[in-house]
């Protein structure tokens, strides 16, 4: 049975060739979490799939921080070990390639990731021709969940958030173990997965996305993303977006894409379904 995995910093989606509903496990970014955590998480994922009667004979795995061949080979070895497969039956790719295949299949276009992290590529139907963005939550990832969460938490700490939005935040606090802003700050610095932690603030923003202050914050971070990615290329290919952040703020994203002269290509509703279809059709 052919299976496909789409991993991000927050979650990993798994789907078999004949599945209509996928499975979900923890996310994984090896650059942030290291190889010990990677081995533990992949073995846990394999056991979870076995508990759901998944028969995996061939696996296509997409994940962040896999642009280096050495990282891909190590993930391949860990997956083969966890799923008891020959390494030749395990294929590992960078998540940007997965986004391109999910967005455009074998047609050319621009794909932009706006999930926990962010990235952007020009896809010619077979390979990535240009890439811009990424660089992680400390040095880049503009417009991502981590970026929006960082901006929002920073605004909270600096007392810049309108009182009604701050009140709404505390009512839906994604981290109820923290009862003060200083505790939220401490958790940000101590989190083993800081990008996922920061992205945890996005649902609060999404629930209040029509509020002028929230909309302005989101627009400013999406603008930074566009200006640093496809707006520099001066191309006429349509832009298609993937990721939960893109879905949550699609109206703002469409508005800014058109404002910067881009062709709106829409949003991919489900990357894992699109990747499953891509590999089944091979």
C-alpha atoms as a PDB file:
ATOM      1  CA  UNK A   1       0.000   0.000   0.000  1.00  0.00           C
ATOM      2  CA  UNK A   2       1.334   3.410  -0.992  1.00  0.00           C
ATOM      3  CA  UNK A   3       1.181   6.061   1.733  1.00  0.00           C
ATOM      4  CA  UNK A   4       1.996   9.777   1.704  1.00  0.00           C
ATOM      5  CA  UNK A   5       2.989  11.945   4.668  1.00  0.00           C
ATOM      6  CA  UNK A   6       2.920  15.746   4.825  1.00  0.00           C
ATOM      7  CA  UNK A   7       4.839  16.958   7.885  1.00  0.00           C
ATOM      8  CA  UNK A   8       5.019  20.440   9.345  1.00  0.00           C
ATOM      9  CA  UNK A   9       6.216  21.922  12.592  1.00  0.00           C
ATOM     10  CA  UNK A  10       2.775  21.519  14.181  1.00  0.00           C
ATOM     11  CA  UNK A  11       1.304  18.339  12.672  1.00  0.00           C
ATOM     12  CA  UNK A  12       1.887  15.496  10.235  1.00  0.00           C
ATOM     13  CA  UNK A  13      -0.890  14.219   7.965  1.00  0.00           C
ATOM     14  CA  UNK A  14      -0.797  10.645   6.601  1.00  0.00           C
ATOM     15  CA  UNK A  15      -2.948   9.173   3.838  1.00  0.00           C
ATOM     16  CA  UNK A  16      -2.991   5.879   1.978  1.00  0.00           C
ATOM     17  CA  UNK A  17      -3.589   5.451  -1.731  1.00  0.00           C
ATOM     18  CA  UNK A  18      -7.130   4.155  -1.203  1.00  0.00           C
ATOM     19  CA  UNK A  19      -7.973   6.260   1.858  1.00  0.00           C
ATOM     20  CA  UNK A  20     -10.629   8.943   1.930  1.00  0.00           C
ATOM     21  CA  UNK A  21      -9.771  10.059   5.471  1.00  0.00           C
ATOM     22  CA  UNK A  22      -6.230  10.625   6.685  1.00  0.00           C
ATOM     23  CA  UNK A  23      -4.502  10.141  10.015  1.00  0.00           C
ATOM     24  CA  UNK A  24      -2.702  12.848  12.000  1.00  0.00           C
ATOM     25  CA  UNK A  25       0.320  12.730  14.302  1.00  0.00           C
ATOM     26  CA  UNK A  26       2.722  15.248  15.835  1.00  0.00           C
ATOM     27  CA  UNK A  27       4.680  17.596  13.597  1.00  0.00           C
ATOM     28  CA  UNK A  28       8.441  17.374  13.150  1.00  0.00           C
ATOM     29  CA  UNK A  29      11.179  19.844  12.211  1.00  0.00           C
ATOM     30  CA  UNK A  30      14.564  18.173  12.646  1.00  0.00           C
ATOM     31  CA  UNK A  31      16.498  21.457  12.598  1.00  0.00           C
ATOM     32  CA  UNK A  32      14.618  22.616  15.674  1.00  0.00           C
ATOM     33  CA  UNK A  33      14.006  19.345  17.521  1.00  0.00           C
ATOM     34  CA  UNK A  34      17.034  17.203  16.656  1.00  0.00           C
ATOM     35  CA  UNK A  35      17.437  13.567  15.668  1.00  0.00           C
ATOM     36  CA  UNK A  36      16.556  12.013  19.009  1.00  0.00           C
ATOM     37  CA  UNK A  37      13.126  13.622  18.883  1.00  0.00           C
ATOM     38  CA  UNK A  38      12.802  12.694  15.207  1.00  0.00           C
ATOM     39  CA  UNK A  39      13.402   9.009  15.916  1.00  0.00           C
ATOM     40  CA  UNK A  40      10.931   9.020  18.812  1.00  0.00           C
ATOM     41  CA  UNK A  41       8.215  10.786  16.835  1.00  0.00           C
ATOM     42  CA  UNK A  42       8.581   8.658  13.700  1.00  0.00           C
ATOM     43  CA  UNK A  43       8.449   5.420  15.699  1.00  0.00           C
ATOM     44  CA  UNK A  44       5.378   6.726  17.529  1.00  0.00           C
ATOM     45  CA  UNK A  45       3.766   7.629  14.192  1.00  0.00           C
ATOM     46  CA  UNK A  46       4.484   4.168  12.765  1.00  0.00           C
ATOM     47  CA  UNK A  47       2.918   2.526  15.808  1.00  0.00           C
ATOM     48  CA  UNK A  48      -0.113   4.833  15.552  1.00  0.00           C
ATOM     49  CA  UNK A  49      -0.619   3.863  11.906  1.00  0.00           C
ATOM     50  CA  UNK A  50      -0.307   0.170  12.769  1.00  0.00           C
ATOM     51  CA  UNK A  51      -2.987   0.594  15.430  1.00  0.00           C
ATOM     52  CA  UNK A  52      -5.233   1.906  12.648  1.00  0.00           C
ATOM     53  CA  UNK A  53      -4.486  -1.117  10.438  1.00  0.00           C
ATOM     54  CA  UNK A  54      -2.396   0.862   7.973  1.00  0.00           C
ATOM     55  CA  UNK A  55      -0.385  -1.386   5.660  1.00  0.00           C
ATOM     56  CA  UNK A  56       2.553   0.662   4.417  1.00  0.00           C
ATOM     57  CA  UNK A  57       4.659  -0.851   1.650  1.00  0.00           C
ATOM     58  CA  UNK A  58       5.828   2.377  -0.003  1.00  0.00           C
ATOM     59  CA  UNK A  59       6.093   5.767   1.696  1.00  0.00           C
ATOM     60  CA  UNK A  60       6.487   9.282   0.278  1.00  0.00           C
ATOM     61  CA  UNK A  61       7.378  11.683   3.099  1.00  0.00           C
ATOM     62  CA  UNK A  62       7.497  15.497   2.831  1.00  0.00           C
ATOM     63  CA  UNK A  63       8.812  17.664   5.656  1.00  0.00           C
ATOM     64  CA  UNK A  64      10.494  20.937   6.657  1.00  0.00           C
ATOM     65  CA  UNK A  65      14.279  21.352   6.946  1.00  0.00           C
ATOM     66  CA  UNK A  66      14.874  18.602   4.369  1.00  0.00           C
ATOM     67  CA  UNK A  67      16.593  20.682   1.706  1.00  0.00           C
ATOM     68  CA  UNK A  68      19.944  19.049   2.560  1.00  0.00           C
ATOM     69  CA  UNK A  69      20.618  15.572   1.178  1.00  0.00           C
ATOM     70  CA  UNK A  70      22.153  14.439   4.486  1.00  0.00           C
ATOM     71  CA  UNK A  71      18.933  15.289   6.349  1.00  0.00           C
ATOM     72  CA  UNK A  72      16.812  13.492   3.785  1.00  0.00           C
ATOM     73  CA  UNK A  73      18.965  10.370   4.012  1.00  0.00           C
ATOM     74  CA  UNK A  74      18.785  10.344   7.803  1.00  0.00           C
ATOM     75  CA  UNK A  75      14.997  10.741   7.797  1.00  0.00           C
ATOM     76  CA  UNK A  76      14.827   7.973   5.185  1.00  0.00           C
ATOM     77  CA  UNK A  77      16.787   5.648   7.477  1.00  0.00           C
ATOM     78  CA  UNK A  78      14.614   6.492  10.486  1.00  0.00           C
ATOM     79  CA  UNK A  79      11.396   5.972   8.520  1.00  0.00           C
ATOM     80  CA  UNK A  80      12.614   2.662   7.112  1.00  0.00           C
ATOM     81  CA  UNK A  81      13.469   1.550  10.631  1.00  0.00           C
ATOM     82  CA  UNK A  82      10.169   2.716  12.118  1.00  0.00           C
ATOM     83  CA  UNK A  83       7.974   1.213   9.379  1.00  0.00           C
ATOM     84  CA  UNK A  84      10.171  -1.878   8.861  1.00  0.00           C
ATOM     85  CA  UNK A  85      10.674  -1.096   5.193  1.00  0.00           C
ATOM     86  CA  UNK A  86      13.589  -1.280   2.823  1.00  0.00           C
ATOM     87  CA  UNK A  87      15.091   2.238   2.446  1.00  0.00           C
ATOM     88  CA  UNK A  88      14.453   1.877  -1.294  1.00  0.00           C
ATOM     89  CA  UNK A  89      10.726   1.943  -0.525  1.00  0.00           C
ATOM     90  CA  UNK A  90      10.953   5.237   1.359  1.00  0.00           C
ATOM     91  CA  UNK A  91      11.114   8.546  -0.531  1.00  0.00           C
ATOM     92  CA  UNK A  92      11.855  11.772   1.337  1.00  0.00           C
ATOM     93  CA  UNK A  93      11.357  15.315   0.011  1.00  0.00           C
ATOM     94  CA  UNK A  94      11.473  18.904   1.218  1.00  0.00           C
ATOM     95  CA  UNK A  95       8.026  20.307   2.052  1.00  0.00           C
ATOM     96  CA  UNK A  96       8.353  23.073  -0.553  1.00  0.00           C
ATOM     97  CA  UNK A  97       8.426  20.424  -3.290  1.00  0.00           C
ATOM     98  CA  UNK A  98       5.329  18.889  -1.751  1.00  0.00           C
ATOM     99  CA  UNK A  99       3.553  22.233  -1.741  1.00  0.00           C
ATOM    100  CA  UNK A 100       4.403  22.758  -5.418  1.00  0.00           C
ATOM    101  CA  UNK A 101       3.172  19.322  -6.422  1.00  0.00           C
ATOM    102  CA  UNK A 102       0.012  19.741  -4.356  1.00  0.00           C
ATOM    103  CA  UNK A 103      -0.717  23.196  -5.758  1.00  0.00           C
ATOM    104  CA  UNK A 104       0.076  22.716  -9.427  1.00  0.00           C
ATOM    105  CA  UNK A 105       0.671  19.055 -10.203  1.00  0.00           C
ATOM    106  CA  UNK A 106       2.495  19.100 -13.524  1.00  0.00           C
ATOM    107  CA  UNK A 107       1.504  22.632 -14.506  1.00  0.00           C
ATOM    108  CA  UNK A 108       3.706  25.708 -13.896  1.00  0.00           C
ATOM    109  CA  UNK A 109       2.849  28.297 -11.268  1.00  0.00           C
ATOM    110  CA  UNK A 110       3.945  29.996  -8.080  1.00  0.00           C
ATOM    111  CA  UNK A 111       3.259  28.249  -4.785  1.00  0.00           C
ATOM    112  CA  UNK A 112       3.381  29.963  -1.418  1.00  0.00           C
ATOM    113  CA  UNK A 113       3.334  28.170   1.934  1.00  0.00           C
ATOM    114  CA  UNK A 114       1.644  29.972   4.804  1.00  0.00           C
ATOM    115  CA  UNK A 115       1.392  27.497   7.644  1.00  0.00           C
ATOM    116  CA  UNK A 116       3.377  27.322  10.866  1.00  0.00           C
ATOM    117  CA  UNK A 117       6.277  28.465   8.677  1.00  0.00           C
ATOM    118  CA  UNK A 118       6.324  30.138   5.262  1.00  0.00           C
ATOM    119  CA  UNK A 119       8.117  29.696   1.950  1.00  0.00           C
ATOM    120  CA  UNK A 120       7.640  30.361  -1.760  1.00  0.00           C
ATOM    121  CA  UNK A 121       8.707  28.780  -5.051  1.00  0.00           C
ATOM    122  CA  UNK A 122       8.371  29.066  -8.805  1.00  0.00           C
ATOM    123  CA  UNK A 123       7.388  25.634 -10.131  1.00  0.00           C
ATOM    124  CA  UNK A 124       7.792  24.714 -13.821  1.00  0.00           C
ATOM    125  CA  UNK A 125       5.703  21.557 -13.623  1.00  0.00           C
ATOM    126  CA  UNK A 126       8.639  19.270 -12.893  1.00  0.00           C
ATOM    127  CA  UNK A 127      11.056  21.136 -10.617  1.00  0.00           C
ATOM    128  CA  UNK A 128      11.503  24.278  -8.542  1.00  0.00           C
ATOM    129  CA  UNK A 129      13.161  27.041 -10.569  1.00  0.00           C
ATOM    130  CA  UNK A 130      13.294  29.810  -7.955  1.00  0.00           C
ATOM    131  CA  UNK A 131      12.794  29.912  -4.226  1.00  0.00           C
ATOM    132  CA  UNK A 132      12.390  32.783  -1.764  1.00  0.00           C
ATOM    133  CA  UNK A 133      11.367  33.029   1.857  1.00  0.00           C
ATOM    134  CA  UNK A 134      11.655  30.517   4.647  1.00  0.00           C
ATOM    135  CA  UNK A 135      14.700  30.840   6.960  1.00  0.00           C
ATOM    136  CA  UNK A 136      12.767  29.877  10.081  1.00  0.00           C
ATOM    137  CA  UNK A 137      10.890  31.731  12.787  1.00  0.00           C
ATOM    138  CA  UNK A 138      13.928  33.708  13.987  1.00  0.00           C
ATOM    139  CA  UNK A 139      15.211  35.020  10.650  1.00  0.00           C
ATOM    140  CA  UNK A 140      12.232  34.848   8.324  1.00  0.00           C
ATOM    141  CA  UNK A 141       8.953  32.948   7.844  1.00  0.00           C
ATOM    142  CA  UNK A 142       7.074  36.212   7.323  1.00  0.00           C
ATOM    143  CA  UNK A 143       3.299  35.806   7.300  1.00  0.00           C
ATOM    144  CA  UNK A 144       3.438  32.372   8.867  1.00  0.00           C
ATOM    145  CA  UNK A 145       1.623  31.183  11.958  1.00  0.00           C
ATOM    146  CA  UNK A 146       4.805  31.561  13.974  1.00  0.00           C
ATOM    147  CA  UNK A 147       5.302  35.084  12.611  1.00  0.00           C
ATOM    148  CA  UNK A 148       1.710  36.154  13.342  1.00  0.00           C
ATOM    149  CA  UNK A 149       1.886  34.623  16.798  1.00  0.00           C
ATOM    150  CA  UNK A 150       5.197  36.326  17.552  1.00  0.00           C
ATOM    151  CA  UNK A 151       3.813  39.702  16.434  1.00  0.00           C
ATOM    152  CA  UNK A 152       0.656  39.223  18.499  1.00  0.00           C
ATOM    153  CA  UNK A 153       2.465  38.092  21.663  1.00  0.00           C
ATOM    154  CA  UNK A 154       4.933  40.942  21.299  1.00  0.00           C
ATOM    155  CA  UNK A 155       2.038  43.407  20.988  1.00  0.00           C
ATOM    156  CA  UNK A 156       0.439  41.925  24.093  1.00  0.00           C
ATOM    157  CA  UNK A 157       3.665  42.328  26.055  1.00  0.00           C
ATOM    158  CA  UNK A 158       4.007  45.946  24.897  1.00  0.00           C
ATOM    159  CA  UNK A 159       0.371  46.698  25.769  1.00  0.00           C
ATOM    160  CA  UNK A 160      -0.480  47.561  22.163  1.00  0.00           C
ATOM    161  CA  UNK A 161      -3.473  45.249  21.774  1.00  0.00           C
ATOM    162  CA  UNK A 162      -6.955  46.832  22.022  1.00  0.00           C
ATOM    163  CA  UNK A 163      -8.737  45.909  25.230  1.00  0.00           C
ATOM    164  CA  UNK A 164     -11.535  43.995  23.486  1.00  0.00           C
ATOM    165  CA  UNK A 165      -9.067  41.792  21.614  1.00  0.00           C
ATOM    166  CA  UNK A 166      -6.994  41.213  24.743  1.00  0.00           C
ATOM    167  CA  UNK A 167     -10.145  40.215  26.610  1.00  0.00           C
ATOM    168  CA  UNK A 168     -11.108  37.866  23.765  1.00  0.00           C
ATOM    169  CA  UNK A 169      -7.630  36.358  23.947  1.00  0.00           C
ATOM    170  CA  UNK A 170      -7.826  35.545  27.649  1.00  0.00           C
ATOM    171  CA  UNK A 171     -11.259  33.991  27.150  1.00  0.00           C
ATOM    172  CA  UNK A 172      -9.823  31.637  24.490  1.00  0.00           C
ATOM    173  CA  UNK A 173      -6.270  31.419  25.846  1.00  0.00           C
ATOM    174  CA  UNK A 174      -4.637  28.506  23.970  1.00  0.00           C
ATOM    175  CA  UNK A 175      -2.261  27.993  26.910  1.00  0.00           C
ATOM    176  CA  UNK A 176      -4.484  27.952  30.019  1.00  0.00           C
ATOM    177  CA  UNK A 177      -1.538  26.897  32.160  1.00  0.00           C
ATOM    178  CA  UNK A 178      -0.302  30.492  31.740  1.00  0.00           C
ATOM    179  CA  UNK A 179      -2.303  33.107  33.619  1.00  0.00           C
ATOM    180  CA  UNK A 180      -0.131  36.147  32.881  1.00  0.00           C
ATOM    181  CA  UNK A 181       1.750  37.716  30.001  1.00  0.00           C
ATOM    182  CA  UNK A 182       5.080  37.026  31.678  1.00  0.00           C
ATOM    183  CA  UNK A 183       4.209  33.343  31.888  1.00  0.00           C
ATOM    184  CA  UNK A 184       3.341  33.334  28.185  1.00  0.00           C
ATOM    185  CA  UNK A 185       6.700  34.975  27.483  1.00  0.00           C
ATOM    186  CA  UNK A 186       8.538  32.398  29.586  1.00  0.00           C
ATOM    187  CA  UNK A 187       6.820  29.562  27.724  1.00  0.00           C
ATOM    188  CA  UNK A 188       7.859  31.065  24.391  1.00  0.00           C
ATOM    189  CA  UNK A 189      11.533  31.027  25.369  1.00  0.00           C
ATOM    190  CA  UNK A 190      11.390  27.601  27.002  1.00  0.00           C
ATOM    191  CA  UNK A 191       9.311  25.786  24.383  1.00  0.00           C
ATOM    192  CA  UNK A 192      11.071  22.868  22.650  1.00  0.00           C
ATOM    193  CA  UNK A 193       9.037  23.776  19.537  1.00  0.00           C
ATOM    194  CA  UNK A 194       8.876  27.595  19.578  1.00  0.00           C
ATOM    195  CA  UNK A 195       7.430  27.989  16.082  1.00  0.00           C
ATOM    196  CA  UNK A 196       4.543  25.651  16.920  1.00  0.00           C
ATOM    197  CA  UNK A 197       4.061  27.428  20.242  1.00  0.00           C
ATOM    198  CA  UNK A 198       3.834  30.842  18.593  1.00  0.00           C
ATOM    199  CA  UNK A 199       1.492  29.503  15.900  1.00  0.00           C
ATOM    200  CA  UNK A 200      -0.845  28.474  18.715  1.00  0.00           C
ATOM    201  CA  UNK A 201      -1.969  32.110  18.997  1.00  0.00           C
ATOM    202  CA  UNK A 202      -3.306  32.186  15.423  1.00  0.00           C
ATOM    203  CA  UNK A 203      -6.774  30.709  16.155  1.00  0.00           C
ATOM    204  CA  UNK A 204      -7.496  33.682  18.417  1.00  0.00           C
ATOM    205  CA  UNK A 205      -6.559  36.037  15.587  1.00  0.00           C
ATOM    206  CA  UNK A 206      -8.617  34.036  13.105  1.00  0.00           C
ATOM    207  CA  UNK A 207     -11.715  34.241  15.313  1.00  0.00           C
ATOM    208  CA  UNK A 208     -11.329  38.031  15.349  1.00  0.00           C
ATOM    209  CA  UNK A 209     -10.044  38.563  11.798  1.00  0.00           C
ATOM    210  CA  UNK A 210     -12.638  41.204  10.946  1.00  0.00           C
ATOM    211  CA  UNK A 211     -11.469  43.424  13.807  1.00  0.00           C
ATOM    212  CA  UNK A 212      -9.562  46.393  12.292  1.00  0.00           C
ATOM    213  CA  UNK A 213      -6.540  45.946  14.564  1.00  0.00           C
ATOM    214  CA  UNK A 214      -6.238  42.216  13.837  1.00  0.00           C
ATOM    215  CA  UNK A 215      -6.760  42.745  10.112  1.00  0.00           C
ATOM    216  CA  UNK A 216      -4.021  45.397  10.080  1.00  0.00           C
ATOM    217  CA  UNK A 217      -1.585  43.083  11.871  1.00  0.00           C
ATOM    218  CA  UNK A 218      -2.273  40.247   9.425  1.00  0.00           C
ATOM    219  CA  UNK A 219      -1.992  42.556   6.415  1.00  0.00           C
ATOM    220  CA  UNK A 220       1.366  43.882   7.617  1.00  0.00           C
ATOM    221  CA  UNK A 221       2.842  40.382   7.972  1.00  0.00           C
ATOM    222  CA  UNK A 222       1.380  39.117   4.685  1.00  0.00           C
ATOM    223  CA  UNK A 223       2.747  42.239   2.981  1.00  0.00           C
ATOM    224  CA  UNK A 224       6.216  41.475   4.347  1.00  0.00           C
ATOM    225  CA  UNK A 225       5.911  37.933   2.973  1.00  0.00           C
ATOM    226  CA  UNK A 226       4.810  39.026  -0.493  1.00  0.00           C
ATOM    227  CA  UNK A 227       7.457  41.738  -0.733  1.00  0.00           C
ATOM    228  CA  UNK A 228      10.217  39.266   0.133  1.00  0.00           C
ATOM    229  CA  UNK A 229       9.002  36.483  -2.147  1.00  0.00           C
ATOM    230  CA  UNK A 230       7.093  36.390  -5.417  1.00  0.00           C
ATOM    231  CA  UNK A 231       6.686  40.196  -5.768  1.00  0.00           C
ATOM    232  CA  UNK A 232      10.424  40.396  -6.501  1.00  0.00           C
ATOM    233  CA  UNK A 233      10.211  38.051  -9.463  1.00  0.00           C
ATOM    234  CA  UNK A 234       7.965  40.200 -11.704  1.00  0.00           C
ATOM    235  CA  UNK A 235       6.435  37.074 -13.208  1.00  0.00           C
ATOM    236  CA  UNK A 236       3.032  36.475 -14.727  1.00  0.00           C
ATOM    237  CA  UNK A 237       2.352  33.062 -13.276  1.00  0.00           C
ATOM    238  CA  UNK A 238      -0.640  32.727 -10.952  1.00  0.00           C
ATOM    239  CA  UNK A 239       0.012  32.359  -7.225  1.00  0.00           C
ATOM    240  CA  UNK A 240      -1.563  29.528  -5.279  1.00  0.00           C
ATOM    241  CA  UNK A 241      -1.303  29.221  -1.504  1.00  0.00           C
ATOM    242  CA  UNK A 242      -1.185  26.257   0.858  1.00  0.00           C
ATOM    243  CA  UNK A 243      -1.386  26.049   4.650  1.00  0.00           C
ATOM    244  CA  UNK A 244      -3.765  26.691   7.495  1.00  0.00           C
ATOM    245  CA  UNK A 245      -2.864  30.362   7.843  1.00  0.00           C
ATOM    246  CA  UNK A 246      -3.636  30.953   4.166  1.00  0.00           C
ATOM    247  CA  UNK A 247      -7.021  29.279   4.596  1.00  0.00           C
ATOM    248  CA  UNK A 248      -7.855  31.243   7.747  1.00  0.00           C
ATOM    249  CA  UNK A 249      -7.147  34.637   6.170  1.00  0.00           C
ATOM    250  CA  UNK A 250      -7.912  33.935   2.508  1.00  0.00           C
ATOM    251  CA  UNK A 251      -9.841  37.187   1.948  1.00  0.00           C
ATOM    252  CA  UNK A 252      -6.940  39.357   3.106  1.00  0.00           C
ATOM    253  CA  UNK A 253      -4.504  37.227   1.132  1.00  0.00           C
ATOM    254  CA  UNK A 254      -6.487  37.546  -2.092  1.00  0.00           C
ATOM    255  CA  UNK A 255      -6.781  41.302  -1.617  1.00  0.00           C
ATOM    256  CA  UNK A 256      -3.008  41.726  -1.156  1.00  0.00           C
ATOM    257  CA  UNK A 257      -2.096  39.328  -3.961  1.00  0.00           C
ATOM    258  CA  UNK A 258      -4.126  41.385  -6.436  1.00  0.00           C
ATOM    259  CA  UNK A 259      -2.845  44.662  -4.963  1.00  0.00           C
ATOM    260  CA  UNK A 260       0.745  43.589  -5.678  1.00  0.00           C
ATOM    261  CA  UNK A 261      -0.075  42.654  -9.255  1.00  0.00           C
ATOM    262  CA  UNK A 262      -0.287  38.912  -8.709  1.00  0.00           C
ATOM    263  CA  UNK A 263      -2.729  36.525 -10.333  1.00  0.00           C
ATOM    264  CA  UNK A 264      -4.873  34.894  -7.673  1.00  0.00           C
ATOM    265  CA  UNK A 265      -4.690  31.133  -8.054  1.00  0.00           C
ATOM    266  CA  UNK A 266      -6.672  30.307  -4.939  1.00  0.00           C
ATOM    267  CA  UNK A 267      -5.855  28.096  -1.978  1.00  0.00           C
ATOM    268  CA  UNK A 268      -5.257  24.353  -1.918  1.00  0.00           C
ATOM    269  CA  UNK A 269      -7.906  22.992   0.471  1.00  0.00           C
ATOM    270  CA  UNK A 270      -5.983  19.841   1.431  1.00  0.00           C
ATOM    271  CA  UNK A 271      -2.299  19.278   0.700  1.00  0.00           C
ATOM    272  CA  UNK A 272      -2.376  15.637   1.810  1.00  0.00           C
ATOM    273  CA  UNK A 273      -5.259  14.792  -0.549  1.00  0.00           C
ATOM    274  CA  UNK A 274      -3.517  16.553  -3.435  1.00  0.00           C
ATOM    275  CA  UNK A 275      -0.219  14.756  -2.755  1.00  0.00           C
ATOM    276  CA  UNK A 276      -1.990  11.412  -2.487  1.00  0.00           C
ATOM    277  CA  UNK A 277      -3.578  12.007  -5.885  1.00  0.00           C
ATOM    278  CA  UNK A 278      -0.231  13.128  -7.358  1.00  0.00           C
ATOM    279  CA  UNK A 279       1.529   9.913  -6.387  1.00  0.00           C
ATOM    280  CA  UNK A 280      -1.359   7.620  -7.264  1.00  0.00           C
ATOM    281  CA  UNK A 281      -1.313   9.069 -10.781  1.00  0.00           C
ATOM    282  CA  UNK A 282       2.411   8.443 -11.254  1.00  0.00           C
END
